[in-house]
Amino acid sequence: MPSIQHTTWLNLFAAFLLCAASACVYEIDVQQGNKLEPKDIEAVKVGMTRNQVRFLLGTPVVSDPFRNDRWDYVYYFRAGRSDDPERRWLIVWFDDNIVTKIDRDAQVKPS
């Protein structure tokens, strides 16, 4: 029969192992939106058509049914346990299917 002191040490050791194991929890990377390459963003120019922009950047993440003159490309990436996620927001403005303005690195306000 184990002594009380031996049992106490086993309980402390078990508690230590439990705490150590909980610190090793893997957190996955979180990626949402369109991953846009800088060269593709720079290739978008005023005067391009919607089809040309879609070819370069893909389909926009946000499509507002009430505003047909704007495409939003939003990107969010958080690596594992990182506290500093990468956020990007590109807005392409249109007038009659032609790019009139490009807002690169628009300010993203964290919620």
PDB file of N, CA and C in Angstrom:
ATOM      1  N   MET A   1       0.850  -1.170   0.000  1.00  0.00           N
ATOM      2  CA  MET A   1       0.000   0.000   0.000  1.00  0.00           C
ATOM      3  C   MET A   1       0.899   1.238   0.000  1.00  0.00           C
ATOM      4  N   PRO A   2       0.664   2.180  -0.979  1.00  0.00           N
ATOM      5  CA  PRO A   2       1.516   3.354  -1.055  1.00  0.00           C
ATOM      6  C   PRO A   2       1.272   4.294   0.124  1.00  0.00           C
ATOM      7  N   SER A   3       2.332   4.974   0.473  1.00  0.00           N
ATOM      8  CA  SER A   3       2.226   5.917   1.584  1.00  0.00           C
ATOM      9  C   SER A   3       1.528   7.191   1.112  1.00  0.00           C
ATOM     10  N   ILE A   4       1.102   8.028   2.058  1.00  0.00           N
ATOM     11  CA  ILE A   4       0.424   9.281   1.737  1.00  0.00           C
ATOM     12  C   ILE A   4       1.378  10.208   0.992  1.00  0.00           C
ATOM     13  N   GLN A   5       2.652  10.217   1.405  1.00  0.00           N
ATOM     14  CA  GLN A   5       3.628  11.077   0.756  1.00  0.00           C
ATOM     15  C   GLN A   5       3.841  10.636  -0.696  1.00  0.00           C
ATOM     16  N   HIS A   6       3.894   9.334  -0.930  1.00  0.00           N
ATOM     17  CA  HIS A   6       4.067   8.792  -2.279  1.00  0.00           C
ATOM     18  C   HIS A   6       2.858   9.171  -3.144  1.00  0.00           C
ATOM     19  N   THR A   7       1.680   9.073  -2.634  1.00  0.00           N
ATOM     20  CA  THR A   7       0.456   9.424  -3.362  1.00  0.00           C
ATOM     21  C   THR A   7       0.428  10.916  -3.686  1.00  0.00           C
ATOM     22  N   THR A   8       0.869  11.733  -2.753  1.00  0.00           N
ATOM     23  CA  THR A   8       0.917  13.179  -2.980  1.00  0.00           C
ATOM     24  C   THR A   8       1.861  13.504  -4.131  1.00  0.00           C
ATOM     25  N   TRP A   9       3.027  12.864  -4.148  1.00  0.00           N
ATOM     26  CA  TRP A   9       3.979  13.091  -5.232  1.00  0.00           C
ATOM     27  C   TRP A   9       3.407  12.627  -6.578  1.00  0.00           C
ATOM     28  N   LEU A  10       2.721  11.510  -6.585  1.00  0.00           N
ATOM     29  CA  LEU A  10       2.107  11.033  -7.833  1.00  0.00           C
ATOM     30  C   LEU A  10       1.038  12.006  -8.324  1.00  0.00           C
ATOM     31  N   ASN A  11       0.246  12.551  -7.415  1.00  0.00           N
ATOM     32  CA  ASN A  11      -0.780  13.524  -7.794  1.00  0.00           C
ATOM     33  C   ASN A  11      -0.155  14.807  -8.338  1.00  0.00           C
ATOM     34  N   LEU A  12       0.925  15.267  -7.696  1.00  0.00           N
ATOM     35  CA  LEU A  12       1.613  16.466  -8.172  1.00  0.00           C
ATOM     36  C   LEU A  12       2.228  16.239  -9.555  1.00  0.00           C
ATOM     37  N   PHE A  13       2.816  15.077  -9.742  1.00  0.00           N
ATOM     38  CA  PHE A  13       3.413  14.741 -11.026  1.00  0.00           C
ATOM     39  C   PHE A  13       2.339  14.663 -12.113  1.00  0.00           C
ATOM     40  N   ALA A  14       1.204  14.059 -11.805  1.00  0.00           N
ATOM     41  CA  ALA A  14       0.098  13.962 -12.762  1.00  0.00           C
ATOM     42  C   ALA A  14      -0.428  15.358 -13.114  1.00  0.00           C
ATOM     43  N   ALA A  15      -0.537  16.234 -12.122  1.00  0.00           N
ATOM     44  CA  ALA A  15      -0.984  17.607 -12.363  1.00  0.00           C
ATOM     45  C   ALA A  15       0.012  18.346 -13.249  1.00  0.00           C
ATOM     46  N   PHE A  16       1.304  18.138 -13.001  1.00  0.00           N
ATOM     47  CA  PHE A  16       2.341  18.763 -13.817  1.00  0.00           C
ATOM     48  C   PHE A  16       2.246  18.287 -15.269  1.00  0.00           C
ATOM     49  N   LEU A  17       2.085  16.993 -15.481  1.00  0.00           N
ATOM     50  CA  LEU A  17       1.963  16.453 -16.837  1.00  0.00           C
ATOM     51  C   LEU A  17       0.735  17.006 -17.551  1.00  0.00           C
ATOM     52  N   LEU A  18      -0.346  17.132 -16.827  1.00  0.00           N
ATOM     53  CA  LEU A  18      -1.570  17.671 -17.406  1.00  0.00           C
ATOM     54  C   LEU A  18      -1.377  19.126 -17.842  1.00  0.00           C
ATOM     55  N   CYS A  19      -0.740  19.914 -17.008  1.00  0.00           N
ATOM     56  CA  CYS A  19      -0.466  21.315 -17.355  1.00  0.00           C
ATOM     57  C   CYS A  19       0.490  21.410 -18.536  1.00  0.00           C
ATOM     58  N   ALA A  20       1.514  20.589 -18.559  1.00  0.00           N
ATOM     59  CA  ALA A  20       2.491  20.619 -19.643  1.00  0.00           C
ATOM     60  C   ALA A  20       1.843  20.203 -20.967  1.00  0.00           C
ATOM     61  N   ALA A  21       0.978  19.205 -20.919  1.00  0.00           N
ATOM     62  CA  ALA A  21       0.315  18.737 -22.136  1.00  0.00           C
ATOM     63  C   ALA A  21      -0.663  19.781 -22.665  1.00  0.00           C
ATOM     64  N   SER A  22      -1.308  20.509 -21.791  1.00  0.00           N
ATOM     65  CA  SER A  22      -2.271  21.510 -22.247  1.00  0.00           C
ATOM     66  C   SER A  22      -1.571  22.683 -22.929  1.00  0.00           C
ATOM     67  N   ALA A  23      -0.316  22.915 -22.629  1.00  0.00           N
ATOM     68  CA  ALA A  23       0.434  23.993 -23.260  1.00  0.00           C
ATOM     69  C   ALA A  23       0.861  23.623 -24.675  1.00  0.00           C
ATOM     70  N   CYS A  24       0.742  22.372 -25.043  1.00  0.00           N
ATOM     71  CA  CYS A  24       1.187  21.899 -26.351  1.00  0.00           C
ATOM     72  C   CYS A  24       0.049  21.766 -27.353  1.00  0.00           C
ATOM     73  N   VAL A  25      -1.054  22.436 -27.129  1.00  0.00           N
ATOM     74  CA  VAL A  25      -2.181  22.336 -28.033  1.00  0.00           C
ATOM     75  C   VAL A  25      -1.840  23.065 -29.324  1.00  0.00           C
ATOM     76  N   TYR A  26      -2.056  22.393 -30.417  1.00  0.00           N
ATOM     77  CA  TYR A  26      -1.747  22.955 -31.734  1.00  0.00           C
ATOM     78  C   TYR A  26      -2.901  23.846 -32.187  1.00  0.00           C
ATOM     79  N   GLU A  27      -2.587  25.045 -32.663  1.00  0.00           N
ATOM     80  CA  GLU A  27      -3.586  25.928 -33.222  1.00  0.00           C
ATOM     81  C   GLU A  27      -3.319  26.069 -34.711  1.00  0.00           C
ATOM     82  N   ILE A  28      -4.354  25.852 -35.507  1.00  0.00           N
ATOM     83  CA  ILE A  28      -4.196  25.903 -36.953  1.00  0.00           C
ATOM     84  C   ILE A  28      -4.081  27.346 -37.438  1.00  0.00           C
ATOM     85  N   ASP A  29      -3.507  27.494 -38.624  1.00  0.00           N
ATOM     86  CA  ASP A  29      -3.469  28.789 -39.279  1.00  0.00           C
ATOM     87  C   ASP A  29      -4.875  29.111 -39.787  1.00  0.00           C
ATOM     88  N   VAL A  30      -5.269  30.368 -39.691  1.00  0.00           N
ATOM     89  CA  VAL A  30      -6.576  30.802 -40.166  1.00  0.00           C
ATOM     90  C   VAL A  30      -6.359  31.742 -41.344  1.00  0.00           C
ATOM     91  N   GLN A  31      -6.882  31.351 -42.508  1.00  0.00           N
ATOM     92  CA  GLN A  31      -6.767  32.174 -43.703  1.00  0.00           C
ATOM     93  C   GLN A  31      -8.145  32.349 -44.304  1.00  0.00           C
ATOM     94  N   GLN A  32      -8.522  33.593 -44.568  1.00  0.00           N
ATOM     95  CA  GLN A  32      -9.821  33.881 -45.161  1.00  0.00           C
ATOM     96  C   GLN A  32      -9.651  34.931 -46.236  1.00  0.00           C
ATOM     97  N   GLY A  33     -10.425  34.812 -47.273  1.00  0.00           N
ATOM     98  CA  GLY A  33     -10.414  35.818 -48.327  1.00  0.00           C
ATOM     99  C   GLY A  33      -9.495  35.464 -49.470  1.00  0.00           C
ATOM    100  N   ASN A  34      -9.194  36.479 -50.277  1.00  0.00           N
ATOM    101  CA  ASN A  34      -8.350  36.324 -51.457  1.00  0.00           C
ATOM    102  C   ASN A  34      -6.897  36.637 -51.097  1.00  0.00           C
ATOM    103  N   LYS A  35      -6.021  35.664 -51.276  1.00  0.00           N
ATOM    104  CA  LYS A  35      -4.581  35.911 -51.112  1.00  0.00           C
ATOM    105  C   LYS A  35      -4.100  36.555 -52.401  1.00  0.00           C
ATOM    106  N   LEU A  36      -3.790  37.835 -52.322  1.00  0.00           N
ATOM    107  CA  LEU A  36      -3.403  38.588 -53.503  1.00  0.00           C
ATOM    108  C   LEU A  36      -1.899  38.821 -53.512  1.00  0.00           C
ATOM    109  N   GLU A  37      -1.294  38.532 -54.631  1.00  0.00           N
ATOM    110  CA  GLU A  37       0.131  38.777 -54.798  1.00  0.00           C
ATOM    111  C   GLU A  37       0.339  40.257 -55.132  1.00  0.00           C
ATOM    112  N   PRO A  38       1.379  40.883 -54.572  1.00  0.00           N
ATOM    113  CA  PRO A  38       1.625  42.305 -54.854  1.00  0.00           C
ATOM    114  C   PRO A  38       1.738  42.621 -56.348  1.00  0.00           C
ATOM    115  N   LYS A  39       2.343  41.717 -57.123  1.00  0.00           N
ATOM    116  CA  LYS A  39       2.485  41.970 -58.564  1.00  0.00           C
ATOM    117  C   LYS A  39       1.128  42.002 -59.254  1.00  0.00           C
ATOM    118  N   ASP A  40       0.178  41.185 -58.778  1.00  0.00           N
ATOM    119  CA  ASP A  40      -1.161  41.184 -59.358  1.00  0.00           C
ATOM    120  C   ASP A  40      -1.927  42.445 -58.971  1.00  0.00           C
ATOM    121  N   ILE A  41      -1.748  42.893 -57.731  1.00  0.00           N
ATOM    122  CA  ILE A  41      -2.406  44.125 -57.291  1.00  0.00           C
ATOM    123  C   ILE A  41      -1.896  45.309 -58.104  1.00  0.00           C
ATOM    124  N   GLU A  42      -0.585  45.361 -58.308  1.00  0.00           N
ATOM    125  CA  GLU A  42       0.003  46.470 -59.068  1.00  0.00           C
ATOM    126  C   GLU A  42      -0.389  46.430 -60.543  1.00  0.00           C
ATOM    127  N   ALA A  43      -0.769  45.248 -61.033  1.00  0.00           N
ATOM    128  CA  ALA A  43      -1.150  45.121 -62.444  1.00  0.00           C
ATOM    129  C   ALA A  43      -2.534  45.706 -62.716  1.00  0.00           C
ATOM    130  N   VAL A  44      -3.351  45.866 -61.679  1.00  0.00           N
ATOM    131  CA  VAL A  44      -4.681  46.451 -61.859  1.00  0.00           C
ATOM    132  C   VAL A  44      -4.526  47.949 -62.084  1.00  0.00           C
ATOM    133  N   LYS A  45      -5.081  48.428 -63.185  1.00  0.00           N
ATOM    134  CA  LYS A  45      -4.938  49.837 -63.564  1.00  0.00           C
ATOM    135  C   LYS A  45      -6.301  50.443 -63.865  1.00  0.00           C
ATOM    136  N   VAL A  46      -6.383  51.744 -63.678  1.00  0.00           N
ATOM    137  CA  VAL A  46      -7.580  52.485 -64.069  1.00  0.00           C
ATOM    138  C   VAL A  46      -7.768  52.314 -65.568  1.00  0.00           C
ATOM    139  N   GLY A  47      -9.006  52.044 -65.995  1.00  0.00           N
ATOM    140  CA  GLY A  47      -9.310  51.839 -67.409  1.00  0.00           C
ATOM    141  C   GLY A  47      -9.517  50.379 -67.778  1.00  0.00           C
ATOM    142  N   MET A  48      -9.142  49.451 -66.885  1.00  0.00           N
ATOM    143  CA  MET A  48      -9.350  48.026 -67.151  1.00  0.00           C
ATOM    144  C   MET A  48     -10.836  47.688 -67.033  1.00  0.00           C
ATOM    145  N   THR A  49     -11.223  46.559 -67.629  1.00  0.00           N
ATOM    146  CA  THR A  49     -12.600  46.090 -67.528  1.00  0.00           C
ATOM    147  C   THR A  49     -12.747  45.161 -66.315  1.00  0.00           C
ATOM    148  N   ARG A  50     -13.987  44.876 -65.936  1.00  0.00           N
ATOM    149  CA  ARG A  50     -14.250  43.935 -64.836  1.00  0.00           C
ATOM    150  C   ARG A  50     -13.651  42.560 -65.127  1.00  0.00           C
ATOM    151  N   ASN A  51     -13.768  42.110 -66.378  1.00  0.00           N
ATOM    152  CA  ASN A  51     -13.229  40.795 -66.733  1.00  0.00           C
ATOM    153  C   ASN A  51     -11.715  40.756 -66.582  1.00  0.00           C
ATOM    154  N   GLN A  52     -11.042  41.830 -66.922  1.00  0.00           N
ATOM    155  CA  GLN A  52      -9.588  41.870 -66.766  1.00  0.00           C
ATOM    156  C   GLN A  52      -9.198  41.830 -65.288  1.00  0.00           C
ATOM    157  N   VAL A  53      -9.939  42.551 -64.446  1.00  0.00           N
ATOM    158  CA  VAL A  53      -9.663  42.538 -63.005  1.00  0.00           C
ATOM    159  C   VAL A  53      -9.935  41.149 -62.435  1.00  0.00           C
ATOM    160  N   ARG A  54     -11.043  40.536 -62.840  1.00  0.00           N
ATOM    161  CA  ARG A  54     -11.378  39.186 -62.356  1.00  0.00           C
ATOM    162  C   ARG A  54     -10.312  38.182 -62.790  1.00  0.00           C
ATOM    163  N   PHE A  55      -9.755  38.344 -63.984  1.00  0.00           N
ATOM    164  CA  PHE A  55      -8.702  37.451 -64.456  1.00  0.00           C
ATOM    165  C   PHE A  55      -7.459  37.571 -63.578  1.00  0.00           C
ATOM    166  N   LEU A  56      -7.109  38.798 -63.185  1.00  0.00           N
ATOM    167  CA  LEU A  56      -5.913  39.022 -62.367  1.00  0.00           C
ATOM    168  C   LEU A  56      -6.107  38.625 -60.907  1.00  0.00           C
ATOM    169  N   LEU A  57      -7.238  39.014 -60.320  1.00  0.00           N
ATOM    170  CA  LEU A  57      -7.424  38.882 -58.874  1.00  0.00           C
ATOM    171  C   LEU A  57      -8.421  37.812 -58.450  1.00  0.00           C
ATOM    172  N   GLY A  58      -9.188  37.303 -59.384  1.00  0.00           N
ATOM    173  CA  GLY A  58     -10.216  36.337 -59.027  1.00  0.00           C
ATOM    174  C   GLY A  58     -11.510  37.046 -58.661  1.00  0.00           C
ATOM    175  N   THR A  59     -12.480  36.258 -58.243  1.00  0.00           N
ATOM    176  CA  THR A  59     -13.776  36.797 -57.850  1.00  0.00           C
ATOM    177  C   THR A  59     -13.654  37.488 -56.502  1.00  0.00           C
ATOM    178  N   PRO A  60     -14.258  38.658 -56.341  1.00  0.00           N
ATOM    179  CA  PRO A  60     -14.140  39.360 -55.051  1.00  0.00           C
ATOM    180  C   PRO A  60     -14.865  38.616 -53.937  1.00  0.00           C
ATOM    181  N   VAL A  61     -14.358  38.785 -52.718  1.00  0.00           N
ATOM    182  CA  VAL A  61     -14.959  38.145 -51.552  1.00  0.00           C
ATOM    183  C   VAL A  61     -16.299  38.789 -51.231  1.00  0.00           C
ATOM    184  N   VAL A  62     -16.335  40.104 -51.293  1.00  0.00           N
ATOM    185  CA  VAL A  62     -17.539  40.839 -50.926  1.00  0.00           C
ATOM    186  C   VAL A  62     -18.171  41.402 -52.184  1.00  0.00           C
ATOM    187  N   SER A  63     -19.425  41.055 -52.398  1.00  0.00           N
ATOM    188  CA  SER A  63     -20.168  41.590 -53.525  1.00  0.00           C
ATOM    189  C   SER A  63     -21.461  42.168 -52.980  1.00  0.00           C
ATOM    190  N   ASP A  64     -21.561  43.480 -52.999  1.00  0.00           N
ATOM    191  CA  ASP A  64     -22.716  44.177 -52.441  1.00  0.00           C
ATOM    192  C   ASP A  64     -23.811  44.273 -53.509  1.00  0.00           C
ATOM    193  N   PRO A  65     -24.958  43.664 -53.278  1.00  0.00           N
ATOM    194  CA  PRO A  65     -26.020  43.711 -54.291  1.00  0.00           C
ATOM    195  C   PRO A  65     -26.600  45.120 -54.483  1.00  0.00           C
ATOM    196  N   PHE A  66     -26.362  46.008 -53.533  1.00  0.00           N
ATOM    197  CA  PHE A  66     -26.899  47.361 -53.627  1.00  0.00           C
ATOM    198  C   PHE A  66     -25.909  48.352 -54.245  1.00  0.00           C
ATOM    199  N   ARG A  67     -24.651  47.937 -54.380  1.00  0.00           N
ATOM    200  CA  ARG A  67     -23.623  48.803 -54.974  1.00  0.00           C
ATOM    201  C   ARG A  67     -22.879  47.995 -56.029  1.00  0.00           C
ATOM    202  N   ASN A  68     -23.225  48.219 -57.253  1.00  0.00           N
ATOM    203  CA  ASN A  68     -22.614  47.481 -58.354  1.00  0.00           C
ATOM    204  C   ASN A  68     -21.318  48.135 -58.840  1.00  0.00           C
ATOM    205  N   ASP A  69     -20.918  49.245 -58.197  1.00  0.00           N
ATOM    206  CA  ASP A  69     -19.755  49.984 -58.663  1.00  0.00           C
ATOM    207  C   ASP A  69     -18.486  49.686 -57.865  1.00  0.00           C
ATOM    208  N   ARG A  70     -18.512  48.658 -57.032  1.00  0.00           N
ATOM    209  CA  ARG A  70     -17.384  48.421 -56.124  1.00  0.00           C
ATOM    210  C   ARG A  70     -17.183  46.917 -55.896  1.00  0.00           C
ATOM    211  N   TRP A  71     -15.906  46.504 -55.952  1.00  0.00           N
ATOM    212  CA  TRP A  71     -15.515  45.144 -55.569  1.00  0.00           C
ATOM    213  C   TRP A  71     -14.533  45.236 -54.414  1.00  0.00           C
ATOM    214  N   ASP A  72     -14.758  44.424 -53.398  1.00  0.00           N
ATOM    215  CA  ASP A  72     -13.879  44.393 -52.223  1.00  0.00           C
ATOM    216  C   ASP A  72     -13.137  43.064 -52.181  1.00  0.00           C
ATOM    217  N   TYR A  73     -11.839  43.149 -52.092  1.00  0.00           N
ATOM    218  CA  TYR A  73     -10.986  41.974 -51.908  1.00  0.00           C
ATOM    219  C   TYR A  73     -10.413  42.067 -50.502  1.00  0.00           C
ATOM    220  N   VAL A  74     -10.879  41.184 -49.638  1.00  0.00           N
ATOM    221  CA  VAL A  74     -10.483  41.192 -48.234  1.00  0.00           C
ATOM    222  C   VAL A  74      -9.625  39.961 -47.966  1.00  0.00           C
ATOM    223  N   TYR A  75      -8.548  40.153 -47.187  1.00  0.00           N
ATOM    224  CA  TYR A  75      -7.667  39.036 -46.839  1.00  0.00           C
ATOM    225  C   TYR A  75      -7.324  39.102 -45.363  1.00  0.00           C
ATOM    226  N   TYR A  76      -7.411  37.956 -44.700  1.00  0.00           N
ATOM    227  CA  TYR A  76      -7.073  37.837 -43.276  1.00  0.00           C
ATOM    228  C   TYR A  76      -6.271  36.559 -43.091  1.00  0.00           C
ATOM    229  N   PHE A  77      -5.133  36.672 -42.388  1.00  0.00           N
ATOM    230  CA  PHE A  77      -4.319  35.485 -42.098  1.00  0.00           C
ATOM    231  C   PHE A  77      -3.741  35.606 -40.689  1.00  0.00           C
ATOM    232  N   ARG A  78      -3.975  34.564 -39.900  1.00  0.00           N
ATOM    233  CA  ARG A  78      -3.385  34.489 -38.560  1.00  0.00           C
ATOM    234  C   ARG A  78      -2.677  33.150 -38.460  1.00  0.00           C
ATOM    235  N   ALA A  79      -1.386  33.210 -38.215  1.00  0.00           N
ATOM    236  CA  ALA A  79      -0.581  31.993 -38.116  1.00  0.00           C
ATOM    237  C   ALA A  79      -0.635  31.439 -36.703  1.00  0.00           C
ATOM    238  N   GLY A  80      -1.199  30.247 -36.562  1.00  0.00           N
ATOM    239  CA  GLY A  80      -1.223  29.537 -35.288  1.00  0.00           C
ATOM    240  C   GLY A  80      -1.574  30.392 -34.097  1.00  0.00           C
ATOM    241  N   ARG A  81      -0.637  30.525 -33.189  1.00  0.00           N
ATOM    242  CA  ARG A  81      -0.859  31.276 -31.946  1.00  0.00           C
ATOM    243  C   ARG A  81      -0.484  32.753 -32.055  1.00  0.00           C
ATOM    244  N   SER A  82      -0.208  33.212 -33.241  1.00  0.00           N
ATOM    245  CA  SER A  82       0.219  34.596 -33.431  1.00  0.00           C
ATOM    246  C   SER A  82      -0.854  35.572 -32.955  1.00  0.00           C
ATOM    247  N   ASP A  83      -0.407  36.657 -32.339  1.00  0.00           N
ATOM    248  CA  ASP A  83      -1.324  37.707 -31.906  1.00  0.00           C
ATOM    249  C   ASP A  83      -1.350  38.863 -32.894  1.00  0.00           C
ATOM    250  N   ASP A  84      -0.619  38.728 -33.999  1.00  0.00           N
ATOM    251  CA  ASP A  84      -0.516  39.803 -34.970  1.00  0.00           C
ATOM    252  C   ASP A  84      -0.953  39.298 -36.349  1.00  0.00           C
ATOM    253  N   PRO A  85      -2.267  39.272 -36.611  1.00  0.00           N
ATOM    254  CA  PRO A  85      -2.727  38.772 -37.908  1.00  0.00           C
ATOM    255  C   PRO A  85      -2.440  39.762 -39.030  1.00  0.00           C
ATOM    256  N   GLU A  86      -2.347  39.224 -40.230  1.00  0.00           N
ATOM    257  CA  GLU A  86      -2.151  40.041 -41.426  1.00  0.00           C
ATOM    258  C   GLU A  86      -3.531  40.344 -41.999  1.00  0.00           C
ATOM    259  N   ARG A  87      -3.824  41.631 -42.209  1.00  0.00           N
ATOM    260  CA  ARG A  87      -5.120  42.047 -42.754  1.00  0.00           C
ATOM    261  C   ARG A  87      -4.868  42.951 -43.949  1.00  0.00           C
ATOM    262  N   ARG A  88      -5.589  42.683 -45.032  1.00  0.00           N
ATOM    263  CA  ARG A  88      -5.495  43.532 -46.217  1.00  0.00           C
ATOM    264  C   ARG A  88      -6.893  43.736 -46.785  1.00  0.00           C
ATOM    265  N   TRP A  89      -7.059  44.880 -47.423  1.00  0.00           N
ATOM    266  CA  TRP A  89      -8.344  45.192 -48.023  1.00  0.00           C
ATOM    267  C   TRP A  89      -8.087  46.029 -49.267  1.00  0.00           C
ATOM    268  N   LEU A  90      -8.466  45.501 -50.411  1.00  0.00           N
ATOM    269  CA  LEU A  90      -8.320  46.191 -51.685  1.00  0.00           C
ATOM    270  C   LEU A  90      -9.719  46.484 -52.213  1.00  0.00           C
ATOM    271  N   ILE A  91      -9.956  47.730 -52.603  1.00  0.00           N
ATOM    272  CA  ILE A  91     -11.259  48.118 -53.147  1.00  0.00           C
ATOM    273  C   ILE A  91     -11.038  48.611 -54.569  1.00  0.00           C
ATOM    274  N   VAL A  92     -11.801  48.026 -55.497  1.00  0.00           N
ATOM    275  CA  VAL A  92     -11.743  48.435 -56.900  1.00  0.00           C
ATOM    276  C   VAL A  92     -13.093  49.064 -57.246  1.00  0.00           C
ATOM    277  N   TRP A  93     -13.042  50.316 -57.717  1.00  0.00           N
ATOM    278  CA  TRP A  93     -14.255  51.066 -58.057  1.00  0.00           C
ATOM    279  C   TRP A  93     -14.457  51.053 -59.571  1.00  0.00           C
ATOM    280  N   PHE A  94     -15.721  50.907 -59.982  1.00  0.00           N
ATOM    281  CA  PHE A  94     -16.057  50.830 -61.402  1.00  0.00           C
ATOM    282  C   PHE A  94     -17.087  51.897 -61.776  1.00  0.00           C
ATOM    283  N   ASP A  95     -17.064  52.250 -63.070  1.00  0.00           N
ATOM    284  CA  ASP A  95     -18.116  53.048 -63.673  1.00  0.00           C
ATOM    285  C   ASP A  95     -18.342  52.454 -65.052  1.00  0.00           C
ATOM    286  N   ASP A  96     -19.525  51.898 -65.286  1.00  0.00           N
ATOM    287  CA  ASP A  96     -19.839  51.207 -66.551  1.00  0.00           C
ATOM    288  C   ASP A  96     -18.802  50.142 -66.899  1.00  0.00           C
ATOM    289  N   ASN A  97     -18.517  49.259 -65.944  1.00  0.00           N
ATOM    290  CA  ASN A  97     -17.593  48.128 -66.133  1.00  0.00           C
ATOM    291  C   ASN A  97     -16.147  48.534 -66.375  1.00  0.00           C
ATOM    292  N   ILE A  98     -15.792  49.765 -66.101  1.00  0.00           N
ATOM    293  CA  ILE A  98     -14.412  50.233 -66.269  1.00  0.00           C
ATOM    294  C   ILE A  98     -13.889  50.685 -64.908  1.00  0.00           C
ATOM    295  N   VAL A  99     -12.654  50.276 -64.576  1.00  0.00           N
ATOM    296  CA  VAL A  99     -12.036  50.670 -63.307  1.00  0.00           C
ATOM    297  C   VAL A  99     -11.798  52.179 -63.318  1.00  0.00           C
ATOM    298  N   THR A 100     -12.319  52.854 -62.259  1.00  0.00           N
ATOM    299  CA  THR A 100     -12.120  54.300 -62.148  1.00  0.00           C
ATOM    300  C   THR A 100     -11.197  54.667 -60.984  1.00  0.00           C
ATOM    301  N   LYS A 101     -11.109  53.783 -59.992  1.00  0.00           N
ATOM    302  CA  LYS A 101     -10.301  54.081 -58.812  1.00  0.00           C
ATOM    303  C   LYS A 101      -9.913  52.776 -58.134  1.00  0.00           C
ATOM    304  N   ILE A 102      -8.724  52.754 -57.526  1.00  0.00           N
ATOM    305  CA  ILE A 102      -8.240  51.571 -56.801  1.00  0.00           C
ATOM    306  C   ILE A 102      -7.742  52.033 -55.443  1.00  0.00           C
ATOM    307  N   ASP A 103      -8.335  51.505 -54.385  1.00  0.00           N
ATOM    308  CA  ASP A 103      -7.882  51.793 -53.018  1.00  0.00           C
ATOM    309  C   ASP A 103      -7.060  50.599 -52.540  1.00  0.00           C
ATOM    310  N   ARG A 104      -5.743  50.761 -52.565  1.00  0.00           N
ATOM    311  CA  ARG A 104      -4.846  49.690 -52.114  1.00  0.00           C
ATOM    312  C   ARG A 104      -4.598  49.845 -50.626  1.00  0.00           C
ATOM    313  N   ASP A 105      -4.503  48.723 -49.934  1.00  0.00           N
ATOM    314  CA  ASP A 105      -4.243  48.706 -48.490  1.00  0.00           C
ATOM    315  C   ASP A 105      -5.195  49.628 -47.751  1.00  0.00           C
ATOM    316  N   ALA A 106      -6.476  49.513 -48.068  1.00  0.00           N
ATOM    317  CA  ALA A 106      -7.488  50.280 -47.350  1.00  0.00           C
ATOM    318  C   ALA A 106      -7.410  49.909 -45.885  1.00  0.00           C
ATOM    319  N   GLN A 107      -7.738  50.831 -45.023  1.00  0.00           N
ATOM    320  CA  GLN A 107      -7.634  50.604 -43.584  1.00  0.00           C
ATOM    321  C   GLN A 107      -8.668  49.577 -43.142  1.00  0.00           C
ATOM    322  N   VAL A 108      -8.206  48.536 -42.472  1.00  0.00           N
ATOM    323  CA  VAL A 108      -9.089  47.508 -41.938  1.00  0.00           C
ATOM    324  C   VAL A 108      -9.200  47.742 -40.445  1.00  0.00           C
ATOM    325  N   LYS A 109     -10.399  47.916 -39.980  1.00  0.00           N
ATOM    326  CA  LYS A 109     -10.609  48.141 -38.556  1.00  0.00           C
ATOM    327  C   LYS A 109     -10.985  46.819 -37.896  1.00  0.00           C
ATOM    328  N   PRO A 110     -10.151  46.317 -36.979  1.00  0.00           N
ATOM    329  CA  PRO A 110     -10.494  45.069 -36.302  1.00  0.00           C
ATOM    330  C   PRO A 110     -11.756  45.254 -35.462  1.00  0.00           C
ATOM    331  N   SER A 111     -12.552  44.206 -35.428  1.00  0.00           N
ATOM    332  CA  SER A 111     -13.790  44.290 -34.640  1.00  0.00           C
ATOM    333  C   SER A 111     -13.569  43.961 -33.194  1.00  0.00           C
TER     334      SER A 111
END
